[in-house]
C-alpha atoms as a PDB file:
ATOM      1  CA  UNK A   1      61.928  27.468  95.376  1.00  0.00           C
ATOM      2  CA  UNK A   2      64.851  28.349  97.682  1.00  0.00           C
ATOM      3  CA  UNK A   3      62.601  30.244 100.184  1.00  0.00           C
ATOM      4  CA  UNK A   4      60.159  27.471 100.341  1.00  0.00           C
ATOM      5  CA  UNK A   5      62.839  24.938 101.102  1.00  0.00           C
ATOM      6  CA  UNK A   6      64.364  27.247 103.670  1.00  0.00           C
ATOM      7  CA  UNK A   7      61.074  27.473 105.450  1.00  0.00           C
ATOM      8  CA  UNK A   8      60.701  23.713 105.342  1.00  0.00           C
ATOM      9  CA  UNK A   9      64.299  23.251 106.622  1.00  0.00           C
ATOM     10  CA  UNK A  10      63.427  25.707 109.493  1.00  0.00           C
ATOM     11  CA  UNK A  11      60.438  23.676 110.259  1.00  0.00           C
ATOM     12  CA  UNK A  12      62.198  20.261 110.084  1.00  0.00           C
ATOM     13  CA  UNK A  13      64.890  21.771 112.463  1.00  0.00           C
ATOM     14  CA  UNK A  14      62.312  22.806 114.880  1.00  0.00           C
ATOM     15  CA  UNK A  15      61.420  19.159 115.653  1.00  0.00           C
ATOM     16  CA  UNK A  16      63.072  18.330 118.763  1.00  0.00           C
ATOM     17  CA  UNK A  17      63.879  14.790 118.987  1.00  0.00           C
ATOM     18  CA  UNK A  18      64.872  14.938 122.633  1.00  0.00           C
ATOM     19  CA  UNK A  19      61.525  16.518 123.615  1.00  0.00           C
ATOM     20  CA  UNK A  20      59.567  14.051 121.265  1.00  0.00           C
ATOM     21  CA  UNK A  21      61.382  11.022 122.494  1.00  0.00           C
ATOM     22  CA  UNK A  22      60.867  12.064 126.102  1.00  0.00           C
ATOM     23  CA  UNK A  23      57.271  12.413 125.552  1.00  0.00           C
ATOM     24  CA  UNK A  24      56.953   9.205 123.763  1.00  0.00           C
ATOM     25  CA  UNK A  25      58.613   7.295 126.532  1.00  0.00           C
ATOM     26  CA  UNK A  26      56.850   9.149 129.329  1.00  0.00           C
ATOM     27  CA  UNK A  27      59.943  10.886 130.587  1.00  0.00           C
ATOM     28  CA  UNK A  28      60.104  14.426 131.762  1.00  0.00           C
ATOM     29  CA  UNK A  29      60.835  17.352 129.510  1.00  0.00           C
ATOM     30  CA  UNK A  30      64.778  17.342 129.056  1.00  0.00           C
ATOM     31  CA  UNK A  31      64.612  21.224 129.304  1.00  0.00           C
ATOM     32  CA  UNK A  32      63.502  20.681 132.962  1.00  0.00           C
ATOM     33  CA  UNK A  33      66.362  18.339 134.009  1.00  0.00           C
ATOM     34  CA  UNK A  34      70.079  18.003 133.805  1.00  0.00           C
ATOM     35  CA  UNK A  35      71.548  21.090 131.864  1.00  0.00           C
ATOM     36  CA  UNK A  36      68.157  22.044 130.471  1.00  0.00           C
ATOM     37  CA  UNK A  37      69.331  21.482 126.879  1.00  0.00           C
ATOM     38  CA  UNK A  38      67.116  19.424 124.513  1.00  0.00           C
ATOM     39  CA  UNK A  39      70.135  17.636 122.854  1.00  0.00           C
ATOM     40  CA  UNK A  40      71.825  14.319 122.907  1.00  0.00           C
ATOM     41  CA  UNK A  41      74.346  15.188 125.864  1.00  0.00           C
ATOM     42  CA  UNK A  42      71.534  16.126 128.243  1.00  0.00           C
ATOM     43  CA  UNK A  43      69.575  13.036 127.056  1.00  0.00           C
ATOM     44  CA  UNK A  44      72.518  10.936 127.897  1.00  0.00           C
ATOM     45  CA  UNK A  45      72.380  12.531 131.433  1.00  0.00           C
ATOM     46  CA  UNK A  46      68.787  12.193 131.993  1.00  0.00           C
ATOM     47  CA  UNK A  47      67.303   9.507 129.782  1.00  0.00           C
ATOM     48  CA  UNK A  48      70.287   7.148 129.166  1.00  0.00           C
ATOM     49  CA  UNK A  49      72.301   5.898 126.203  1.00  0.00           C
ATOM     50  CA  UNK A  50      69.637   4.633 123.994  1.00  0.00           C
ATOM     51  CA  UNK A  51      67.573   7.740 123.787  1.00  0.00           C
ATOM     52  CA  UNK A  52      70.726   9.877 123.547  1.00  0.00           C
ATOM     53  CA  UNK A  53      71.793   7.928 120.563  1.00  0.00           C
ATOM     54  CA  UNK A  54      68.380   8.272 119.018  1.00  0.00           C
ATOM     55  CA  UNK A  55      68.322  12.058 119.592  1.00  0.00           C
ATOM     56  CA  UNK A  56      71.708  12.268 118.030  1.00  0.00           C
ATOM     57  CA  UNK A  57      70.677  10.534 114.994  1.00  0.00           C
ATOM     58  CA  UNK A  58      67.431  12.507 114.587  1.00  0.00           C
ATOM     59  CA  UNK A  59      69.282  15.734 115.119  1.00  0.00           C
ATOM     60  CA  UNK A  60      71.946  14.906 112.552  1.00  0.00           C
ATOM     61  CA  UNK A  61      69.403  13.835 110.179  1.00  0.00           C
ATOM     62  CA  UNK A  62      67.703  17.350 110.365  1.00  0.00           C
ATOM     63  CA  UNK A  63      70.864  19.134 109.254  1.00  0.00           C
ATOM     64  CA  UNK A  64      71.612  16.623 106.643  1.00  0.00           C
ATOM     65  CA  UNK A  65      68.224  16.259 104.812  1.00  0.00           C
ATOM     66  CA  UNK A  66      68.020  19.751 103.518  1.00  0.00           C
ATOM     67  CA  UNK A  67      71.502  19.806 102.211  1.00  0.00           C
ATOM     68  CA  UNK A  68      70.933  16.408 100.387  1.00  0.00           C
ATOM     69  CA  UNK A  69      67.722  17.819  98.957  1.00  0.00           C
ATOM     70  CA  UNK A  70      69.177  20.952  97.833  1.00  0.00           C
ATOM     71  CA  UNK A  71      72.215  19.028  96.369  1.00  0.00           C
ATOM     72  CA  UNK A  72      69.749  16.646  94.434  1.00  0.00           C
ATOM     73  CA  UNK A  73      67.872  19.852  93.088  1.00  0.00           C
ATOM     74  CA  UNK A  74      71.360  21.105  91.798  1.00  0.00           C
ATOM     75  CA  UNK A  75      71.314  24.128  94.102  1.00  0.00           C
ATOM     76  CA  UNK A  76      74.672  25.922  94.425  1.00  0.00           C
ATOM     77  CA  UNK A  77      76.831  24.976  97.351  1.00  0.00           C
ATOM     78  CA  UNK A  78      76.293  28.148  99.087  1.00  0.00           C
ATOM     79  CA  UNK A  79      72.384  27.664  98.972  1.00  0.00           C
ATOM     80  CA  UNK A  80      72.898  24.229 100.229  1.00  0.00           C
ATOM     81  CA  UNK A  81      74.861  25.623 103.184  1.00  0.00           C
ATOM     82  CA  UNK A  82      72.212  28.275 103.755  1.00  0.00           C
ATOM     83  CA  UNK A  83      69.347  25.588 103.844  1.00  0.00           C
ATOM     84  CA  UNK A  84      71.341  23.539 106.218  1.00  0.00           C
ATOM     85  CA  UNK A  85      71.670  26.612 108.415  1.00  0.00           C
ATOM     86  CA  UNK A  86      67.960  27.162 108.376  1.00  0.00           C
ATOM     87  CA  UNK A  87      67.544  23.702 109.813  1.00  0.00           C
ATOM     88  CA  UNK A  88      70.137  24.536 112.650  1.00  0.00           C
ATOM     89  CA  UNK A  89      68.262  27.706 113.427  1.00  0.00           C
ATOM     90  CA  UNK A  90      65.066  25.767 113.704  1.00  0.00           C
ATOM     91  CA  UNK A  91      66.902  23.596 116.155  1.00  0.00           C
ATOM     92  CA  UNK A  92      68.090  26.530 118.089  1.00  0.00           C
ATOM     93  CA  UNK A  93      64.814  28.475 118.027  1.00  0.00           C
ATOM     94  CA  UNK A  94      62.089  25.736 117.349  1.00  0.00           C
ATOM     95  CA  UNK A  95      58.626  27.289 116.637  1.00  0.00           C
ATOM     96  CA  UNK A  96      56.951  24.108 117.913  1.00  0.00           C
ATOM     97  CA  UNK A  97      58.601  24.471 121.436  1.00  0.00           C
ATOM     98  CA  UNK A  98      58.151  28.231 122.268  1.00  0.00           C
ATOM     99  CA  UNK A  99      61.732  28.946 120.530  1.00  0.00           C
ATOM    100  CA  UNK A 100      63.368  26.990 123.429  1.00  0.00           C
ATOM    101  CA  UNK A 101      65.810  24.623 121.451  1.00  0.00           C
ATOM    102  CA  UNK A 102      69.121  23.068 121.935  1.00  0.00           C
ATOM    103  CA  UNK A 103      72.659  24.240 121.040  1.00  0.00           C
ATOM    104  CA  UNK A 104      72.849  22.943 117.364  1.00  0.00           C
ATOM    105  CA  UNK A 105      75.927  20.856 117.438  1.00  0.00           C
ATOM    106  CA  UNK A 106      74.437  17.482 116.120  1.00  0.00           C
ATOM    107  CA  UNK A 107      72.191  19.338 113.669  1.00  0.00           C
ATOM    108  CA  UNK A 108      75.226  21.356 112.496  1.00  0.00           C
ATOM    109  CA  UNK A 109      77.316  18.177 112.213  1.00  0.00           C
ATOM    110  CA  UNK A 110      74.540  16.669 109.821  1.00  0.00           C
ATOM    111  CA  UNK A 111      74.736  19.813 107.775  1.00  0.00           C
ATOM    112  CA  UNK A 112      78.543  19.674 107.416  1.00  0.00           C
ATOM    113  CA  UNK A 113      78.357  16.052 106.599  1.00  0.00           C
ATOM    114  CA  UNK A 114      76.084  16.901 103.686  1.00  0.00           C
ATOM    115  CA  UNK A 115      78.273  19.930 102.515  1.00  0.00           C
ATOM    116  CA  UNK A 116      81.702  18.154 102.920  1.00  0.00           C
ATOM    117  CA  UNK A 117      82.197  14.958 104.595  1.00  0.00           C
ATOM    118  CA  UNK A 118      85.936  15.352 105.233  1.00  0.00           C
ATOM    119  CA  UNK A 119      85.179  18.496 107.270  1.00  0.00           C
ATOM    120  CA  UNK A 120      82.583  16.512 109.159  1.00  0.00           C
ATOM    121  CA  UNK A 121      85.107  13.865 109.880  1.00  0.00           C
ATOM    122  CA  UNK A 122      87.595  16.585 111.048  1.00  0.00           C
ATOM    123  CA  UNK A 123      84.971  18.143 113.582  1.00  0.00           C
ATOM    124  CA  UNK A 124      84.117  14.629 114.830  1.00  0.00           C
ATOM    125  CA  UNK A 125      87.711  13.819 115.344  1.00  0.00           C
ATOM    126  CA  UNK A 126      88.350  17.216 117.116  1.00  0.00           C
ATOM    127  CA  UNK A 127      85.165  16.749 119.318  1.00  0.00           C
ATOM    128  CA  UNK A 128      86.265  13.064 120.331  1.00  0.00           C
ATOM    129  CA  UNK A 129      89.785  14.206 121.022  1.00  0.00           C
ATOM    130  CA  UNK A 130      88.768  17.220 123.066  1.00  0.00           C
ATOM    131  CA  UNK A 131      85.941  15.280 124.843  1.00  0.00           C
ATOM    132  CA  UNK A 132      88.557  12.334 125.614  1.00  0.00           C
ATOM    133  CA  UNK A 133      91.081  14.767 127.085  1.00  0.00           C
ATOM    134  CA  UNK A 134      88.624  16.976 129.114  1.00  0.00           C
ATOM    135  CA  UNK A 135      85.461  14.927 129.566  1.00  0.00           C
ATOM    136  CA  UNK A 136      83.563  18.252 128.876  1.00  0.00           C
ATOM    137  CA  UNK A 137      80.947  18.085 125.881  1.00  0.00           C
ATOM    138  CA  UNK A 138      80.570  21.897 125.636  1.00  0.00           C
ATOM    139  CA  UNK A 139      84.318  22.488 125.242  1.00  0.00           C
ATOM    140  CA  UNK A 140      84.564  19.734 122.638  1.00  0.00           C
ATOM    141  CA  UNK A 141      81.582  21.292 120.678  1.00  0.00           C
ATOM    142  CA  UNK A 142      83.186  24.813 120.923  1.00  0.00           C
ATOM    143  CA  UNK A 143      86.624  23.426 119.631  1.00  0.00           C
ATOM    144  CA  UNK A 144      85.251  21.312 116.841  1.00  0.00           C
ATOM    145  CA  UNK A 145      83.188  23.930 115.177  1.00  0.00           C
ATOM    146  CA  UNK A 146      85.872  26.451 114.334  1.00  0.00           C
ATOM    147  CA  UNK A 147      88.489  23.727 113.394  1.00  0.00           C
ATOM    148  CA  UNK A 148      86.582  23.037 110.287  1.00  0.00           C
ATOM    149  CA  UNK A 149      86.543  26.519 108.891  1.00  0.00           C
ATOM    150  CA  UNK A 150      90.039  26.465 107.433  1.00  0.00           C
ATOM    151  CA  UNK A 151      89.413  23.243 105.673  1.00  0.00           C
ATOM    152  CA  UNK A 152      86.223  24.615 104.347  1.00  0.00           C
ATOM    153  CA  UNK A 153      87.821  27.893 103.274  1.00  0.00           C
ATOM    154  CA  UNK A 154      90.331  25.917 101.300  1.00  0.00           C
ATOM    155  CA  UNK A 155      88.109  23.101  99.940  1.00  0.00           C
ATOM    156  CA  UNK A 156      84.454  24.673  99.726  1.00  0.00           C
ATOM    157  CA  UNK A 157      84.919  28.440  99.880  1.00  0.00           C
ATOM    158  CA  UNK A 158      81.266  28.985  98.853  1.00  0.00           C
ATOM    159  CA  UNK A 159      80.177  27.588 102.219  1.00  0.00           C
ATOM    160  CA  UNK A 160      82.418  29.542 104.275  1.00  0.00           C
ATOM    161  CA  UNK A 161      80.035  32.425 105.045  1.00  0.00           C
ATOM    162  CA  UNK A 162      77.097  30.257 106.133  1.00  0.00           C
ATOM    163  CA  UNK A 163      79.613  28.103 108.069  1.00  0.00           C
ATOM    164  CA  UNK A 164      80.958  31.284 109.896  1.00  0.00           C
ATOM    165  CA  UNK A 165      77.359  32.372 110.776  1.00  0.00           C
ATOM    166  CA  UNK A 166      76.865  28.843 112.126  1.00  0.00           C
ATOM    167  CA  UNK A 167      79.979  28.864 114.079  1.00  0.00           C
ATOM    168  CA  UNK A 168      78.972  32.236 115.732  1.00  0.00           C
ATOM    169  CA  UNK A 169      75.533  30.892 116.530  1.00  0.00           C
ATOM    170  CA  UNK A 170      77.134  27.833 118.209  1.00  0.00           C
ATOM    171  CA  UNK A 171      79.478  30.001 120.339  1.00  0.00           C
ATOM    172  CA  UNK A 172      76.397  32.198 121.068  1.00  0.00           C
ATOM    173  CA  UNK A 173      74.345  29.176 122.335  1.00  0.00           C
ATOM    174  CA  UNK A 174      77.251  28.014 124.369  1.00  0.00           C
ATOM    175  CA  UNK A 175      77.716  31.381 126.189  1.00  0.00           C
ATOM    176  CA  UNK A 176      76.828  30.234 129.547  1.00  0.00           C
ATOM    177  CA  UNK A 177      79.025  27.177 129.247  1.00  0.00           C
ATOM    178  CA  UNK A 178      81.905  29.555 128.270  1.00  0.00           C
ATOM    179  CA  UNK A 179      81.149  31.477 131.556  1.00  0.00           C
ATOM    180  CA  UNK A 180      81.077  28.263 133.460  1.00  0.00           C
ATOM    181  CA  UNK A 181      84.339  27.067 131.591  1.00  0.00           C
ATOM    182  CA  UNK A 182      86.101  30.238 132.701  1.00  0.00           C
ATOM    183  CA  UNK A 183      84.844  29.897 136.333  1.00  0.00           C
ATOM    184  CA  UNK A 184      85.860  26.250 136.492  1.00  0.00           C
ATOM    185  CA  UNK A 185      82.201  25.144 137.233  1.00  0.00           C
ATOM    186  CA  UNK A 186      81.326  23.353 133.810  1.00  0.00           C
ATOM    187  CA  UNK A 187      79.786  20.032 133.899  1.00  0.00           C
ATOM    188  CA  UNK A 188      82.115  17.012 133.078  1.00  0.00           C
ATOM    189  CA  UNK A 189      81.353  13.335 132.399  1.00  0.00           C
END
């Protein structure tokens, strides 16, 4: 049952709300504009606030739903986290869109919300504070993900390994942003 749910979580994660919403509204593929990332931040840049919010909600839901289903089926916390991670991997490498996906931040936030809401709140507060101070979405994402790990290690140690993998994937997907941050040429709002 776990592996079937993992495949379904990956397939759900592979749905790109940024691309689907762009197609439904007749806009260009977000991977061809702005930062080239099919996520909420780039949708804000290329399609406006309304579609960015819808993308954010859709991407959050992709990470949340597998965790909630696994919790409803009484799966152990670690399996819930691995299923959430499967959805994030689907977002990063979507089968429906030639494995060209986003950076996974909103989907990871949905996963975290399902696993342990206080950690999701900490991540949100960290993201908002960093973004307010720097006006840099990538730096906010890179700061928020690792900030939740100590809280999870303390309160939900079973989820720590999948969350460490998740943090590593988020850093990996932001590697170009890291180079741009170091070089002083990262995009700001």
